[in-house]
Amino acid sequence: MILNRIELKKVMYDFNSIANRFMRVDFQEYNIILAKFLAHLDNVEIISEYIRDCGQPTYDVKTEIDEVAKSHGSYFDLGDTKQQEVTNIYHILKYCSENKIFIPQTIARSYSTSNKWQDMTKGFNERVSMVLIRHIEGYLTKIGIDMGMDEHVKYSITVNNGQVNLATDNATINATQNNGVDIQQLKALLDSVRQEAILRLSQMDIETVKESLEVIESEIAQPKPRKSFIQTAIKGLQAIKSTVEFSAAVVTLAQFIKTVL
């Protein structure tokens, strides 16, 4: 596949959005959102190739699901390696989705001491689905790091046995105009908000912050940033209830962006 850093950021933004929705799903809509989540994984080439590269499940998925479903207190064997966790969890979710197995009412029972389906759903997603999400996030983040700082250089990306390989693509890259933003100052402000989020917010709020910051960073890098996208991202940050330090970092970022747009 061929991507530059801006395109990769958009892939990461879209993935974080659907993953965040899946992690917050109401148990009654679980199968619907699960199907959308899996469709996204299958339809985004850079993600689907990574999952395929992780190989086949380490056991018969149907048998494993049946064992967990019939015995309250049993848990899935996710695997010993990162690749095994990715493929085992993906195929568990895929099998359940394709065979209309209602996870909150069946296999999720073992992942919570509560008798409420929403709590069971939350417990299963945090201990199983989140593992897959974190591995995909890590994979995409490492590709972004390897790409370096240039937003527009395109790379040919391949993955083999868990090893990601990047090669500069020889396609012509169109030059873009400088929109006059002090990128170093913007980066420092984004890093400040990100750091305060990590120190002071819940995991769910941290995900929201990451998504908003990625939108801002991606749009600012464009010759003609879409103000509505940036403003929506800023409002999302401002809506998070947190400490004085986090709020102050958001205010400083918002004021800077207001001066350059």
Protein backbone atom coordinates (compact mmCIF):
# COMPACT_ATOMS: atom_id res chain seq x y z
CA MET A 1 0.00 0.00 0.00
CA ILE A 2 1.15 3.59 -0.63
CA LEU A 3 0.62 6.25 2.06
CA ASN A 4 2.11 9.51 3.25
CA ARG A 5 2.04 10.70 6.85
CA ILE A 6 -1.09 12.84 6.43
CA GLU A 7 -2.99 9.92 4.93
CA LEU A 8 -1.79 7.69 7.77
CA LYS A 9 -3.08 10.19 10.33
CA LYS A 10 -6.50 10.05 8.69
CA VAL A 11 -6.40 6.26 8.88
CA MET A 12 -5.54 6.52 12.58
CA TYR A 13 -8.31 9.07 13.18
CA ASP A 14 -10.93 6.88 11.51
CA PHE A 15 -9.73 3.80 13.39
CA ASN A 16 -9.76 5.60 16.74
CA SER A 17 -13.29 6.85 16.05
CA ILE A 18 -14.79 3.42 15.33
CA ALA A 19 -12.76 1.77 18.10
CA ASN A 20 -13.93 4.38 20.61
CA ARG A 21 -17.55 3.85 19.53
CA PHE A 22 -17.16 0.08 19.88
CA MET A 23 -15.65 0.37 23.36
CA ARG A 24 -18.55 2.58 24.52
CA VAL A 25 -21.32 0.56 22.86
CA ASP A 26 -24.65 -0.04 24.57
CA PHE A 27 -25.01 -3.80 25.01
CA GLN A 28 -28.29 -3.81 23.06
CA GLU A 29 -26.45 -2.56 19.96
CA TYR A 30 -23.36 -4.72 20.45
CA ASN A 31 -23.74 -6.93 17.37
CA ILE A 32 -24.50 -3.95 15.13
CA ILE A 33 -21.46 -1.93 16.19
CA LEU A 34 -19.25 -5.05 16.26
CA ALA A 35 -20.12 -5.68 12.61
CA LYS A 36 -19.23 -2.08 11.72
CA PHE A 37 -15.95 -2.33 13.66
CA LEU A 38 -14.95 -5.55 11.89
CA ALA A 39 -15.95 -4.16 8.49
CA HIS A 40 -13.64 -1.21 9.12
CA LEU A 41 -10.74 -3.53 9.96
CA ASP A 42 -11.38 -5.57 6.81
CA ASN A 43 -11.80 -2.58 4.49
CA VAL A 44 -8.72 -0.56 5.51
CA GLU A 45 -5.83 -2.17 3.67
CA ILE A 46 -3.05 -1.20 6.05
CA ILE A 47 -4.97 -2.75 8.97
CA SER A 48 -6.30 -5.84 7.19
CA GLU A 49 -2.81 -6.73 5.90
CA TYR A 50 -1.42 -6.46 9.43
CA ILE A 51 -4.10 -8.80 10.79
CA ARG A 52 -3.53 -11.30 7.95
CA ASP A 53 0.21 -11.20 8.59
CA CYS A 54 -0.39 -12.25 12.20
CA GLY A 55 -1.43 -15.67 10.91
CA GLN A 56 -4.18 -18.10 11.82
CA PRO A 57 -5.70 -18.65 15.30
CA THR A 58 -3.79 -20.95 17.63
CA TYR A 59 -6.91 -23.08 18.26
CA ASP A 60 -10.28 -23.96 16.83
CA VAL A 61 -12.23 -20.75 17.40
CA LYS A 62 -15.67 -22.40 17.57
CA THR A 63 -14.51 -24.87 20.22
CA GLU A 64 -12.87 -22.09 22.27
CA ILE A 65 -16.02 -19.95 22.14
CA ASP A 66 -18.24 -22.89 23.10
CA GLU A 67 -16.03 -23.64 26.11
CA VAL A 68 -16.17 -20.08 27.41
CA ALA A 69 -19.89 -19.73 26.70
CA LYS A 70 -20.94 -22.85 28.58
CA SER A 71 -18.74 -22.38 31.65
CA HIS A 72 -19.19 -19.19 33.69
CA GLY A 73 -15.74 -18.17 34.91
CA SER A 74 -13.83 -19.41 31.86
CA TYR A 75 -11.70 -16.97 29.89
CA PHE A 76 -10.27 -16.93 26.41
CA ASP A 77 -6.69 -17.95 25.85
CA LEU A 78 -5.56 -14.87 23.96
CA GLY A 79 -2.11 -16.24 23.10
CA ASP A 80 1.52 -15.85 24.12
CA THR A 81 2.68 -13.30 21.55
CA LYS A 82 1.38 -10.04 20.11
CA GLN A 83 0.64 -11.74 16.79
CA GLN A 84 -1.30 -14.53 18.51
CA GLU A 85 -3.37 -12.04 20.48
CA VAL A 86 -4.23 -10.10 17.33
CA THR A 87 -5.33 -13.11 15.29
CA ASN A 88 -7.10 -14.95 18.12
CA ILE A 89 -9.17 -11.95 19.22
CA TYR A 90 -9.98 -10.89 15.66
CA HIS A 91 -11.24 -14.37 14.75
CA ILE A 92 -13.21 -14.70 18.00
CA LEU A 93 -15.02 -11.44 17.26
CA LYS A 94 -15.43 -12.38 13.58
CA TYR A 95 -16.93 -15.77 14.39
CA CYS A 96 -19.35 -14.28 16.91
CA SER A 97 -20.43 -11.60 14.45
CA GLU A 98 -20.93 -13.95 11.52
CA ASN A 99 -22.81 -16.52 13.63
CA LYS A 100 -25.01 -13.98 15.44
CA ILE A 101 -23.62 -14.88 18.88
CA PHE A 102 -24.74 -12.19 21.32
CA ILE A 103 -21.53 -11.64 23.30
CA PRO A 104 -23.06 -9.61 26.21
CA GLN A 105 -25.44 -12.46 27.06
CA THR A 106 -23.07 -15.38 26.49
CA ILE A 107 -19.28 -15.23 26.65
CA ALA A 108 -19.10 -11.83 28.37
CA ARG A 109 -20.54 -13.31 31.60
CA SER A 110 -17.10 -14.44 32.70
CA TYR A 111 -15.62 -10.96 32.45
CA SER A 112 -17.63 -9.24 35.20
CA THR A 113 -18.84 -10.03 38.70
CA SER A 114 -21.94 -7.95 37.98
CA ASN A 115 -25.16 -9.52 36.71
CA LYS A 116 -25.87 -6.51 34.47
CA TRP A 117 -25.32 -7.03 30.76
CA GLN A 118 -23.80 -3.57 30.30
CA ASP A 119 -21.16 -4.32 32.95
CA MET A 120 -20.43 -7.68 31.34
CA THR A 121 -20.07 -5.98 27.97
CA LYS A 122 -17.69 -3.40 29.42
CA GLY A 123 -15.61 -6.08 31.15
CA PHE A 124 -15.28 -8.17 27.99
CA ASN A 125 -14.36 -5.20 25.82
CA GLU A 126 -11.77 -3.92 28.28
CA ARG A 127 -10.07 -7.30 28.70
CA VAL A 128 -10.41 -8.72 25.19
CA SER A 129 -11.40 -6.22 22.48
CA MET A 130 -9.11 -3.49 23.86
CA VAL A 131 -6.08 -5.78 23.50
CA LEU A 132 -6.69 -5.99 19.74
CA ILE A 133 -7.30 -2.24 19.52
CA ARG A 134 -4.08 -1.42 21.37
CA HIS A 135 -2.00 -3.67 19.11
CA ILE A 136 -3.42 -2.03 15.97
CA GLU A 137 -2.85 1.44 17.46
CA GLY A 138 0.74 0.51 18.25
CA TYR A 139 1.32 -0.83 14.76
CA LEU A 140 0.00 2.36 13.11
CA THR A 141 1.89 4.61 15.54
CA LYS A 142 5.22 2.89 14.82
CA ILE A 143 4.68 3.33 11.08
CA GLY A 144 4.09 7.05 11.70
CA ILE A 145 7.32 7.29 13.70
CA ASP A 146 9.28 5.54 10.96
CA MET A 147 7.89 7.97 8.37
CA GLY A 148 9.60 10.90 10.08
CA MET A 149 8.44 14.52 9.99
CA ASP A 150 7.77 15.10 6.28
CA GLU A 151 4.00 15.02 5.83
CA HIS A 152 3.97 14.57 2.06
CA VAL A 153 6.60 11.94 1.19
CA LYS A 154 4.78 8.79 0.14
CA TYR A 155 5.92 5.36 1.36
CA SER A 156 5.32 1.85 0.15
CA ILE A 157 4.39 -0.10 3.29
CA THR A 158 4.66 -3.88 3.68
CA VAL A 159 4.43 -6.10 6.74
CA ASN A 160 6.00 -9.55 7.03
CA ASN A 161 6.11 -11.69 10.17
CA GLY A 162 5.28 -8.65 12.25
CA GLN A 163 8.08 -6.59 10.71
CA VAL A 164 6.98 -3.37 9.04
CA ASN A 165 9.04 -2.25 6.03
CA LEU A 166 8.89 1.24 4.54
CA ALA A 167 10.33 2.27 1.19
CA THR A 168 10.08 5.73 -0.36
CA ASP A 169 7.68 5.66 -3.28
CA ASN A 170 8.93 7.24 -6.50
CA ALA A 171 5.60 8.84 -7.37
CA THR A 172 5.56 12.58 -8.01
CA ILE A 173 4.60 14.59 -4.93
CA ASN A 174 2.78 17.85 -5.47
CA ALA A 175 4.21 20.81 -3.56
CA THR A 176 1.88 22.55 -1.12
CA GLN A 177 1.94 26.15 -0.03
CA ASN A 178 3.07 27.15 3.44
CA ASN A 179 0.04 28.32 5.42
CA GLY A 180 2.17 30.40 7.77
CA VAL A 181 1.70 28.35 10.95
CA ASP A 182 4.63 28.01 13.35
CA ILE A 183 4.71 24.20 13.31
CA GLN A 184 7.19 23.92 16.17
CA GLN A 185 5.05 26.06 18.45
CA LEU A 186 1.93 24.15 17.45
CA LYS A 187 3.66 20.84 18.16
CA ALA A 188 4.69 22.06 21.61
CA LEU A 189 1.10 23.09 22.43
CA LEU A 190 -0.32 19.80 21.16
CA ASP A 191 2.25 17.88 23.21
CA SER A 192 1.30 19.91 26.29
CA VAL A 193 -2.39 18.99 25.96
CA ARG A 194 -1.49 15.38 25.24
CA GLN A 195 0.76 15.14 28.29
CA GLU A 196 -1.81 16.69 30.63
CA ALA A 197 -4.39 14.24 29.31
CA ILE A 198 -2.15 11.25 30.01
CA LEU A 199 -1.46 12.48 33.54
CA ARG A 200 -4.97 13.50 34.56
CA LEU A 201 -7.71 11.90 32.43
CA SER A 202 -9.46 8.55 32.20
CA GLN A 203 -8.54 6.18 29.39
CA MET A 204 -11.74 6.97 27.50
CA ASP A 205 -11.12 10.72 27.69
CA ILE A 206 -7.50 10.20 26.62
CA GLU A 207 -8.79 8.52 23.46
CA THR A 208 -11.07 11.50 22.78
CA VAL A 209 -8.15 13.88 23.25
CA LYS A 210 -5.97 11.86 20.87
CA GLU A 211 -8.63 11.94 18.18
CA SER A 212 -9.16 15.69 18.51
CA LEU A 213 -5.44 16.47 18.44
CA GLU A 214 -4.91 14.31 15.36
CA VAL A 215 -7.65 16.20 13.54
CA ILE A 216 -6.09 19.54 14.46
CA GLU A 217 -2.58 18.45 13.47
CA SER A 218 -3.75 16.94 10.19
CA GLU A 219 -5.85 19.95 9.17
CA ILE A 220 -3.25 22.56 10.13
CA ALA A 221 -0.77 20.77 7.87
CA GLN A 222 -3.02 21.35 4.87
CA PRO A 223 -2.57 24.39 2.58
CA LYS A 224 -6.21 25.29 3.28
CA PRO A 225 -7.19 23.92 6.70
CA ARG A 226 -10.90 23.25 7.19
CA LYS A 227 -11.83 25.59 10.04
CA SER A 228 -15.03 23.72 10.88
CA PHE A 229 -13.08 20.49 11.51
CA ILE A 230 -10.59 22.27 13.74
CA GLN A 231 -13.29 24.14 15.66
CA THR A 232 -15.17 20.90 16.28
CA ALA A 233 -12.00 19.28 17.58
CA ILE A 234 -11.33 22.23 19.91
CA LYS A 235 -14.90 22.10 21.24
CA GLY A 236 -14.42 18.40 21.91
CA LEU A 237 -11.36 19.19 24.04
CA GLN A 238 -13.13 22.01 25.87
CA ALA A 239 -16.06 19.74 26.72
CA ILE A 240 -13.85 17.37 28.74
CA LYS A 241 -14.17 18.03 32.46
CA SER A 242 -10.76 17.87 34.08
CA THR A 243 -8.16 19.71 36.14
CA VAL A 244 -7.08 23.33 35.90
CA GLU A 245 -3.82 22.24 34.25
CA PHE A 246 -5.51 20.36 31.42
CA SER A 247 -8.04 23.15 30.84
CA ALA A 248 -5.25 25.73 30.74
CA ALA A 249 -3.33 23.73 28.13
CA VAL A 250 -6.48 23.53 25.99
CA VAL A 251 -7.12 27.28 26.33
CA THR A 252 -3.56 28.08 25.25
CA LEU A 253 -3.87 25.79 22.22
CA ALA A 254 -7.24 27.30 21.26
CA GLN A 255 -5.88 30.84 21.50
CA PHE A 256 -2.89 29.98 19.31
CA ILE A 257 -5.08 28.38 16.65
CA LYS A 258 -7.42 31.38 16.71
CA THR A 259 -4.51 33.67 15.82
CA VAL A 260 -3.38 31.64 12.81
CA LEU A 261 -6.70 30.78 11.14
